[in-house]
């Protein structure tokens, strides 16, 4: 059981660094396993006779539904229980479900595996945000969250490259099994090497009085209501979610788009998508964390970090257009890299600001609320919108229908920037 303490207890040095490393590794595996389906979607679609709408439901809606159902209960558990144990159990569950995906015989069994993956992966975000707020209090939190968030890009790249090579050599079923084995090794690392971390307050009483949330009384609905009524929080959550819509479509639809519109072979999909996506995403996530931390430190205002995504997100629009309409693969890869760089700017600053607005025993619940809104809007709706549009456009555009479905995402970074601008004004006013 984690120890609850009051006050601020900075945790510098190897303990904090190793804790961040394990969280980075767990989230890297999280995104590698989550995006694996997108890399091998075409052979799965053909073997199991699925259409694009069914693929969207399996990759987005089925996963997201149980991700959300489990998320609230897990968040409450994170705020009270042993965070190391919760994370180890979550990794074990989704790794087993990933391996079982290789045994799927149709739409229903594939969807069931994705649901279980969603339940397991719902542990990572609340555990990580709760731990990082204790390991790296104050201005350092934004930078540590950005480093943690960058693991998603690394996981997508590693998963994309390995999945493409393994699927081309051994088939998609064996690939899922091998990824499950890797997860078992990560479980052992977490269970036997992660040290317990005391719970500490990241802010003093004045911070809690000025726009924060007082300690909870143990009831769920009042706690959720209190978090949602923090000035600007709802705008922040929606802005963060919308900023991820374009990004959420890439693991599901970028490989299929490259196969259909550019004729890229399965073994090479990971090499085309992975490196530019992870280089751009990693650089954008880390640099946005550094810049937002500096803005916060200089101004003494924790809301100042939102300036980074507000400026960067609109620049993702021309990069996404380049990805969709460029005639050659090198230019497409440049578009992927620049787009991921700009879109990743929201990951660290938004989440770090959200957990800084609440008391320590509500960080897990707060991060889960952010995650729920993100999952519904970005990971459930966005791929489904693109898949349904692709099926609707297919009679007119054939294999190019997916390209036209993806164009619906062009407006989302502009909307996200506007929502975050409103959030910044509301939080300052609060």
Protein backbone atom coordinates (compact mmCIF):
# COMPACT_ATOMS: atom_id res chain seq x y z
CA UNK A 1 0.00 0.00 0.00
CA UNK A 2 1.31 3.46 -0.87
CA UNK A 3 1.91 5.78 2.04
CA UNK A 4 -0.04 9.05 2.08
CA UNK A 5 1.84 12.12 3.25
CA UNK A 6 1.23 15.84 3.29
CA UNK A 7 3.54 18.54 2.09
CA UNK A 8 6.02 18.31 -0.74
CA UNK A 9 8.67 15.60 -0.91
CA UNK A 10 10.83 15.98 -4.02
CA UNK A 11 12.22 12.65 -5.21
CA UNK A 12 15.35 13.32 -7.23
CA UNK A 13 17.96 10.92 -8.48
CA UNK A 14 17.89 7.26 -9.45
CA UNK A 15 14.63 6.30 -7.71
CA UNK A 16 12.57 8.83 -9.65
CA UNK A 17 14.50 8.16 -12.88
CA UNK A 18 14.00 4.40 -12.63
CA UNK A 19 10.33 4.85 -11.84
CA UNK A 20 9.93 7.03 -14.92
CA UNK A 21 11.86 4.46 -16.98
CA UNK A 22 9.50 1.63 -16.00
CA UNK A 23 6.46 3.79 -16.72
CA UNK A 24 8.00 4.71 -20.08
CA UNK A 25 8.52 1.01 -20.86
CA UNK A 26 4.97 0.05 -19.84
CA UNK A 27 3.43 2.81 -21.95
CA UNK A 28 5.70 1.95 -24.88
CA UNK A 29 4.36 -1.61 -24.77
CA UNK A 30 0.85 -0.22 -24.32
CA UNK A 31 1.00 1.69 -27.61
CA UNK A 32 2.88 -1.05 -29.45
CA UNK A 33 0.18 -3.60 -28.58
CA UNK A 34 -2.64 -1.13 -29.16
CA UNK A 35 -1.40 -0.16 -32.64
CA UNK A 36 -0.47 -3.70 -33.69
CA UNK A 37 -3.92 -4.29 -35.19
CA UNK A 38 -3.51 -1.33 -37.53
CA UNK A 39 -0.28 -2.67 -39.03
CA UNK A 40 -1.79 -6.05 -39.93
CA UNK A 41 -5.31 -4.77 -40.60
CA UNK A 42 -5.32 -5.70 -44.30
CA UNK A 43 -4.47 -9.41 -43.92
CA UNK A 44 -6.92 -9.62 -40.98
CA UNK A 45 -9.64 -7.86 -42.98
CA UNK A 46 -9.21 -10.23 -45.90
CA UNK A 47 -8.93 -13.45 -43.86
CA UNK A 48 -11.85 -12.66 -41.53
CA UNK A 49 -13.93 -10.95 -44.27
CA UNK A 50 -14.41 -7.62 -42.45
CA UNK A 51 -15.29 -4.19 -43.88
CA UNK A 52 -13.82 -0.83 -42.82
CA UNK A 53 -16.69 -0.06 -40.45
CA UNK A 54 -16.18 -3.37 -38.63
CA UNK A 55 -12.44 -2.70 -38.45
CA UNK A 56 -13.21 0.71 -36.93
CA UNK A 57 -15.50 -0.86 -34.33
CA UNK A 58 -12.91 -3.46 -33.38
CA UNK A 59 -9.93 -1.10 -33.28
CA UNK A 60 -11.72 1.88 -31.78
CA UNK A 61 -15.18 1.42 -30.31
CA UNK A 62 -14.85 -2.07 -28.76
CA UNK A 63 -11.49 -1.17 -27.26
CA UNK A 64 -12.66 2.23 -26.04
CA UNK A 65 -15.93 1.02 -24.52
CA UNK A 66 -14.27 -1.29 -22.03
CA UNK A 67 -11.36 1.09 -21.60
CA UNK A 68 -13.91 3.58 -20.28
CA UNK A 69 -15.93 1.12 -18.21
CA UNK A 70 -12.80 -0.09 -16.46
CA UNK A 71 -11.25 3.36 -16.26
CA UNK A 72 -13.37 4.85 -13.47
CA UNK A 73 -13.04 1.83 -11.18
CA UNK A 74 -9.31 1.62 -11.83
CA UNK A 75 -8.87 5.34 -11.16
CA UNK A 76 -10.51 4.99 -7.76
CA UNK A 77 -8.32 1.99 -7.06
CA UNK A 78 -5.21 3.96 -8.09
CA UNK A 79 -6.10 6.78 -5.68
CA UNK A 80 -6.29 4.31 -2.78
CA UNK A 81 -4.35 1.16 -3.62
CA UNK A 82 -0.94 -0.23 -4.49
CA UNK A 83 -0.06 1.43 -7.79
CA UNK A 84 2.73 -1.02 -8.62
CA UNK A 85 0.37 -3.99 -8.25
CA UNK A 86 -2.34 -2.30 -10.34
CA UNK A 87 0.10 -1.61 -13.16
CA UNK A 88 1.52 -5.15 -13.13
CA UNK A 89 -1.97 -6.69 -13.27
CA UNK A 90 -2.97 -4.37 -16.11
CA UNK A 91 0.08 -5.22 -18.23
CA UNK A 92 -0.51 -8.94 -17.58
CA UNK A 93 -4.15 -8.74 -18.69
CA UNK A 94 -3.62 -6.81 -21.91
CA UNK A 95 -0.58 -8.93 -22.85
CA UNK A 96 -2.61 -12.13 -22.46
CA UNK A 97 -5.42 -10.61 -24.54
CA UNK A 98 -2.93 -9.51 -27.20
CA UNK A 99 -1.62 -13.06 -27.49
CA UNK A 100 -5.21 -14.38 -27.66
CA UNK A 101 -5.95 -12.03 -30.58
CA UNK A 102 -3.87 -14.35 -32.72
CA UNK A 103 -6.53 -17.03 -32.18
CA UNK A 104 -9.48 -14.87 -33.35
CA UNK A 105 -11.81 -16.53 -35.86
CA UNK A 106 -14.14 -13.65 -36.69
CA UNK A 107 -15.52 -10.25 -35.78
CA UNK A 108 -16.91 -11.24 -32.36
CA UNK A 109 -13.80 -13.01 -31.05
CA UNK A 110 -11.58 -10.23 -32.36
CA UNK A 111 -13.76 -7.61 -30.65
CA UNK A 112 -13.69 -9.58 -27.37
CA UNK A 113 -9.89 -9.60 -27.34
CA UNK A 114 -9.82 -5.87 -28.01
CA UNK A 115 -12.21 -5.29 -25.11
CA UNK A 116 -9.89 -7.13 -22.72
CA UNK A 117 -6.91 -5.19 -24.05
CA UNK A 118 -8.85 -2.01 -23.28
CA UNK A 119 -9.46 -3.08 -19.67
CA UNK A 120 -5.78 -3.85 -19.10
CA UNK A 121 -4.46 -0.72 -20.77
CA UNK A 122 -6.80 1.47 -18.71
CA UNK A 123 -4.37 1.04 -15.80
CA UNK A 124 -1.35 2.76 -17.34
CA UNK A 125 -2.42 6.38 -17.58
CA UNK A 126 -3.87 6.92 -14.06
CA UNK A 127 -1.04 4.98 -12.41
CA UNK A 128 1.61 6.91 -14.34
CA UNK A 129 0.13 10.37 -13.72
CA UNK A 130 -0.38 9.64 -10.04
CA UNK A 131 3.19 8.40 -9.61
CA UNK A 132 4.82 11.15 -11.68
CA UNK A 133 3.09 13.86 -9.67
CA UNK A 134 4.80 12.39 -6.59
CA UNK A 135 8.17 11.67 -8.22
CA UNK A 136 8.49 15.05 -9.99
CA UNK A 137 6.51 17.74 -8.12
CA UNK A 138 6.24 21.38 -9.19
CA UNK A 139 7.50 22.73 -12.54
CA UNK A 140 9.33 19.45 -13.27
CA UNK A 141 6.01 17.62 -13.65
CA UNK A 142 5.28 18.94 -17.16
CA UNK A 143 8.66 17.77 -18.44
CA UNK A 144 8.38 14.32 -16.83
CA UNK A 145 4.86 13.86 -18.21
CA UNK A 146 6.11 14.82 -21.67
CA UNK A 147 8.90 12.24 -21.44
CA UNK A 148 6.37 9.63 -20.35
CA UNK A 149 3.98 10.59 -23.17
CA UNK A 150 6.83 10.32 -25.69
CA UNK A 151 6.93 6.59 -24.97
CA UNK A 152 3.74 6.25 -26.99
CA UNK A 153 5.54 7.32 -30.14
CA UNK A 154 8.44 4.98 -29.44
CA UNK A 155 5.99 2.14 -28.89
CA UNK A 156 4.17 2.87 -32.13
CA UNK A 157 7.43 2.89 -34.10
CA UNK A 158 8.85 -0.24 -32.50
CA UNK A 159 5.52 -2.00 -32.84
CA UNK A 160 5.09 -0.91 -36.45
CA UNK A 161 8.54 -2.01 -37.59
CA UNK A 162 8.49 -5.32 -35.72
CA UNK A 163 4.88 -6.11 -36.61
CA UNK A 164 5.47 -5.53 -40.32
CA UNK A 165 8.56 -7.74 -40.38
CA UNK A 166 7.10 -10.49 -38.18
CA UNK A 167 3.76 -10.58 -39.99
CA UNK A 168 5.47 -10.82 -43.38
CA UNK A 169 7.66 -13.69 -42.12
CA UNK A 170 5.40 -15.63 -39.72
CA UNK A 171 1.87 -14.33 -40.29
CA UNK A 172 -0.31 -11.99 -38.25
CA UNK A 173 -1.44 -14.65 -35.76
CA UNK A 174 2.08 -15.53 -34.59
CA UNK A 175 2.91 -11.82 -34.38
CA UNK A 176 0.22 -11.23 -31.75
CA UNK A 177 1.52 -14.19 -29.74
CA UNK A 178 5.09 -12.89 -29.74
CA UNK A 179 3.98 -9.45 -28.57
CA UNK A 180 2.15 -11.11 -25.68
CA UNK A 181 5.37 -12.81 -24.57
CA UNK A 182 7.17 -9.45 -24.44
CA UNK A 183 4.42 -8.19 -22.15
CA UNK A 184 5.05 -11.02 -19.70
CA UNK A 185 8.67 -9.88 -19.34
CA UNK A 186 7.56 -6.31 -18.60
CA UNK A 187 5.20 -7.60 -15.90
CA UNK A 188 8.13 -9.26 -14.12
CA UNK A 189 10.17 -6.05 -14.22
CA UNK A 190 7.35 -3.99 -12.71
CA UNK A 191 6.40 -6.55 -10.07
CA UNK A 192 9.91 -7.18 -8.76
CA UNK A 193 11.92 -3.99 -9.38
CA UNK A 194 9.57 -0.98 -9.03
CA UNK A 195 9.85 0.64 -5.60
CA UNK A 196 6.76 1.91 -3.71
CA UNK A 197 6.32 5.69 -3.91
CA UNK A 198 4.79 7.77 -1.07
CA UNK A 199 1.87 10.00 -2.02
CA UNK A 200 2.79 13.66 -1.61
CA UNK A 201 1.03 16.98 -2.15
CA UNK A 202 2.33 18.79 -5.22
CA UNK A 203 0.91 22.13 -4.07
CA UNK A 204 0.40 23.89 -0.81
CA UNK A 205 -2.91 25.01 0.71
CA UNK A 206 -2.99 28.28 -1.27
CA UNK A 207 -2.75 26.37 -4.53
CA UNK A 208 -5.61 24.12 -3.49
CA UNK A 209 -7.74 27.10 -2.55
CA UNK A 210 -7.03 28.93 -5.81
CA UNK A 211 -8.82 26.80 -8.39
CA UNK A 212 -7.90 23.41 -6.92
CA UNK A 213 -10.03 20.69 -5.37
CA UNK A 214 -10.11 19.95 -1.62
CA UNK A 215 -9.50 16.42 -0.34
CA UNK A 216 -12.29 13.99 -1.21
CA UNK A 217 -14.81 12.46 1.17
CA UNK A 218 -14.73 9.03 -0.50
CA UNK A 219 -17.82 9.39 -2.71
CA UNK A 220 -17.37 9.10 -6.48
CA UNK A 221 -20.02 11.44 -7.90
CA UNK A 222 -19.18 14.43 -5.66
CA UNK A 223 -15.50 13.94 -6.52
CA UNK A 224 -16.23 13.87 -10.26
CA UNK A 225 -18.52 16.90 -9.94
CA UNK A 226 -15.87 18.83 -8.03
CA UNK A 227 -13.22 18.11 -10.67
CA UNK A 228 -15.52 19.01 -13.56
CA UNK A 229 -16.40 22.33 -11.93
CA UNK A 230 -12.78 23.47 -11.64
CA UNK A 231 -12.73 26.60 -13.86
CA UNK A 232 -11.55 25.71 -17.35
CA UNK A 233 -11.14 21.97 -16.73
CA UNK A 234 -13.93 20.90 -19.10
CA UNK A 235 -12.52 23.06 -21.91
CA UNK A 236 -9.07 21.62 -21.23
CA UNK A 237 -10.34 18.03 -21.37
CA UNK A 238 -12.26 18.57 -24.62
CA UNK A 239 -9.39 20.48 -26.21
CA UNK A 240 -6.96 17.70 -25.30
CA UNK A 241 -9.31 15.06 -26.72
CA UNK A 242 -9.92 16.87 -30.01
CA UNK A 243 -6.18 17.46 -30.42
CA UNK A 244 -5.77 13.67 -30.44
CA UNK A 245 -8.39 12.87 -33.10
CA UNK A 246 -6.04 13.07 -36.07
CA UNK A 247 -3.32 11.28 -34.12
CA UNK A 248 -5.71 8.48 -33.10
CA UNK A 249 -6.59 7.72 -36.73
CA UNK A 250 -3.01 7.02 -37.75
CA UNK A 251 -2.42 3.63 -36.02
CA UNK A 252 -5.67 2.29 -37.46
CA UNK A 253 -5.72 3.79 -40.94
CA UNK A 254 -2.24 4.96 -42.00
CA UNK A 255 -1.00 1.41 -42.79
CA UNK A 256 -4.16 0.60 -44.77
CA UNK A 257 -3.92 3.94 -46.59
CA UNK A 258 -0.33 3.27 -47.63
CA UNK A 259 -1.19 -0.25 -48.79
CA UNK A 260 -4.21 0.85 -50.82
CA UNK A 261 -3.11 4.21 -52.22
CA UNK A 262 0.67 3.77 -52.50
CA UNK A 263 1.05 0.00 -52.86
CA UNK A 264 3.49 -0.32 -49.95
CA UNK A 265 4.19 -3.96 -49.04
CA UNK A 266 3.27 -5.26 -45.59
CA UNK A 267 6.90 -5.89 -44.58
CA UNK A 268 7.77 -2.25 -45.34
CA UNK A 269 4.77 -0.55 -43.71
CA UNK A 270 6.50 -0.18 -40.36
CA UNK A 271 9.60 1.32 -41.93
CA UNK A 272 7.52 3.93 -43.76
CA UNK A 273 5.20 4.90 -40.89
CA UNK A 274 7.30 4.20 -37.80
CA UNK A 275 10.49 6.30 -38.03
CA UNK A 276 8.93 9.63 -39.08
CA UNK A 277 6.02 9.16 -36.67
CA UNK A 278 8.22 8.43 -33.67
CA UNK A 279 10.93 10.99 -34.48
CA UNK A 280 8.34 13.71 -34.95
CA UNK A 281 6.22 12.59 -32.01
CA UNK A 282 9.16 12.14 -29.67
CA UNK A 283 10.70 15.49 -30.55
CA UNK A 284 7.36 17.29 -30.31
CA UNK A 285 6.44 15.73 -26.98
CA UNK A 286 9.80 16.35 -25.30
CA UNK A 287 10.31 19.86 -26.68
CA UNK A 288 6.77 20.90 -25.78
CA UNK A 289 7.40 19.68 -22.24
CA UNK A 290 10.66 21.63 -22.01
CA UNK A 291 9.18 24.83 -23.41
CA UNK A 292 6.02 24.60 -21.31
CA UNK A 293 8.10 23.99 -18.15
CA UNK A 294 10.19 27.07 -18.91
CA UNK A 295 7.11 29.19 -19.54
CA UNK A 296 5.62 28.03 -16.24
CA UNK A 297 8.88 28.65 -14.33
CA UNK A 298 9.35 32.13 -15.80
CA UNK A 299 5.78 33.30 -15.36
CA UNK A 300 4.99 31.47 -12.12
CA UNK A 301 1.69 30.56 -13.77
CA UNK A 302 0.95 26.87 -14.35
CA UNK A 303 -1.48 27.74 -17.19
CA UNK A 304 1.30 29.29 -19.30
CA UNK A 305 2.29 25.88 -20.69
CA UNK A 306 -0.86 25.79 -22.84
CA UNK A 307 0.63 28.44 -25.12
CA UNK A 308 2.77 25.72 -26.73
CA UNK A 309 -0.06 23.51 -28.10
CA UNK A 310 -2.26 26.52 -28.89
CA UNK A 311 0.41 27.74 -31.33
CA UNK A 312 1.63 24.36 -32.62
CA UNK A 313 -1.61 22.46 -33.32
CA UNK A 314 -2.81 24.51 -36.33
CA UNK A 315 0.53 23.80 -38.05
CA UNK A 316 -0.42 20.10 -38.18
CA UNK A 317 -3.10 20.83 -40.81
CA UNK A 318 -0.79 21.45 -43.81
CA UNK A 319 1.40 18.52 -42.72
CA UNK A 320 -1.61 16.17 -42.68
CA UNK A 321 -2.63 17.43 -46.13
CA UNK A 322 0.89 16.60 -47.31
CA UNK A 323 0.53 13.08 -45.92
CA UNK A 324 -2.79 12.59 -47.72
CA UNK A 325 -2.08 14.11 -51.12
CA UNK A 326 1.68 13.98 -51.74
CA UNK A 327 2.47 11.78 -54.77
CA UNK A 328 5.72 10.26 -53.47
CA UNK A 329 6.52 8.26 -50.33
CA UNK A 330 9.45 10.46 -49.15
CA UNK A 331 7.14 13.49 -49.07
CA UNK A 332 4.44 11.42 -47.35
CA UNK A 333 6.98 10.49 -44.67
CA UNK A 334 7.89 14.15 -44.16
CA UNK A 335 4.20 14.92 -43.71
CA UNK A 336 3.88 12.16 -41.08
CA UNK A 337 6.88 13.47 -39.15
CA UNK A 338 5.86 17.13 -39.12
CA UNK A 339 2.25 16.27 -38.32
CA UNK A 340 3.25 14.11 -35.34
CA UNK A 341 5.63 16.81 -34.12
CA UNK A 342 2.87 19.41 -34.01
CA UNK A 343 0.11 17.15 -32.69
CA UNK A 344 2.31 15.84 -29.86
CA UNK A 345 2.63 19.34 -28.42
CA UNK A 346 -0.57 18.90 -26.39
CA UNK A 347 0.33 15.64 -24.65
CA UNK A 348 2.50 16.87 -21.79
CA UNK A 349 1.23 20.40 -21.08
CA UNK A 350 -2.48 19.51 -21.01
CA UNK A 351 -2.21 16.49 -18.73
CA UNK A 352 0.33 18.10 -16.40
CA UNK A 353 -1.94 21.12 -15.99
CA UNK A 354 -4.97 18.93 -15.31
CA UNK A 355 -3.38 16.98 -12.45
CA UNK A 356 -1.90 20.17 -10.99
CA UNK A 357 -5.41 21.52 -10.43
CA UNK A 358 -6.43 18.84 -7.91
CA UNK A 359 -5.35 17.36 -4.59
CA UNK A 360 -3.09 14.26 -4.53
CA UNK A 361 -5.90 11.81 -3.78
CA UNK A 362 -7.76 12.87 -6.92
CA UNK A 363 -4.96 12.69 -9.46
CA UNK A 364 -5.90 9.19 -10.62
CA UNK A 365 -9.55 10.17 -11.05
CA UNK A 366 -8.63 13.44 -12.79
CA UNK A 367 -6.30 11.75 -15.26
CA UNK A 368 -8.97 9.13 -15.94
CA UNK A 369 -11.59 11.80 -16.66
CA UNK A 370 -9.15 13.32 -19.15
CA UNK A 371 -8.60 9.86 -20.59
CA UNK A 372 -12.32 9.09 -20.83
CA UNK A 373 -13.03 12.25 -22.81
CA UNK A 374 -9.99 11.58 -25.00
CA UNK A 375 -10.98 7.96 -25.58
CA UNK A 376 -14.57 8.73 -26.55
CA UNK A 377 -13.74 11.59 -28.89
CA UNK A 378 -10.38 10.51 -30.29
CA UNK A 379 -9.98 6.74 -30.09
CA UNK A 380 -13.64 5.68 -30.43
CA UNK A 381 -15.27 8.28 -32.67
CA UNK A 382 -12.43 9.46 -34.93
CA UNK A 383 -11.45 6.06 -36.45
CA UNK A 384 -15.14 5.13 -36.71
CA UNK A 385 -15.95 8.36 -38.57
CA UNK A 386 -13.11 7.71 -41.01
CA UNK A 387 -14.02 4.03 -41.49
CA UNK A 388 -17.72 4.74 -42.05
CA UNK A 389 -16.86 7.55 -44.48
CA UNK A 390 -14.49 5.23 -46.33
CA UNK A 391 -17.24 2.63 -46.78
CA UNK A 392 -19.66 5.35 -47.91
CA UNK A 393 -17.16 6.73 -50.44
CA UNK A 394 -16.11 3.32 -51.78
CA UNK A 395 -18.74 3.10 -54.58
CA UNK A 396 -17.45 6.40 -55.98
CA UNK A 397 -13.72 6.27 -55.22
CA UNK A 398 -12.85 2.58 -54.85
CA UNK A 399 -9.51 2.03 -53.09
CA UNK A 400 -9.08 5.81 -52.80
CA UNK A 401 -12.13 6.07 -50.53
CA UNK A 402 -9.99 5.88 -47.39
CA UNK A 403 -8.00 8.94 -48.47
CA UNK A 404 -11.21 10.96 -48.72
CA UNK A 405 -12.45 9.64 -45.37
CA UNK A 406 -9.25 10.81 -43.69
CA UNK A 407 -9.73 14.37 -45.00
CA UNK A 408 -12.53 14.78 -42.43
CA UNK A 409 -9.83 15.07 -39.75
CA UNK A 410 -8.23 18.20 -41.27
CA UNK A 411 -10.33 20.58 -39.17
CA UNK A 412 -9.65 18.96 -35.78
CA UNK A 413 -6.32 20.64 -34.84
CA UNK A 414 -7.84 24.07 -35.47
CA UNK A 415 -10.79 23.27 -33.23
CA UNK A 416 -8.47 21.88 -30.53
CA UNK A 417 -6.36 25.04 -30.52
CA UNK A 418 -9.49 27.14 -30.04
CA UNK A 419 -10.72 24.97 -27.15
CA UNK A 420 -7.35 25.14 -25.38
CA UNK A 421 -7.25 28.92 -25.82
CA UNK A 422 -10.65 29.14 -24.10
CA UNK A 423 -9.42 26.76 -21.37
CA UNK A 424 -6.40 28.94 -20.68
CA UNK A 425 -8.57 32.03 -20.31
CA UNK A 426 -11.06 30.24 -18.05
CA UNK A 427 -8.37 28.70 -15.83
CA UNK A 428 -6.66 32.07 -15.43
CA UNK A 429 -10.00 33.66 -14.62
CA UNK A 430 -10.62 30.94 -12.03
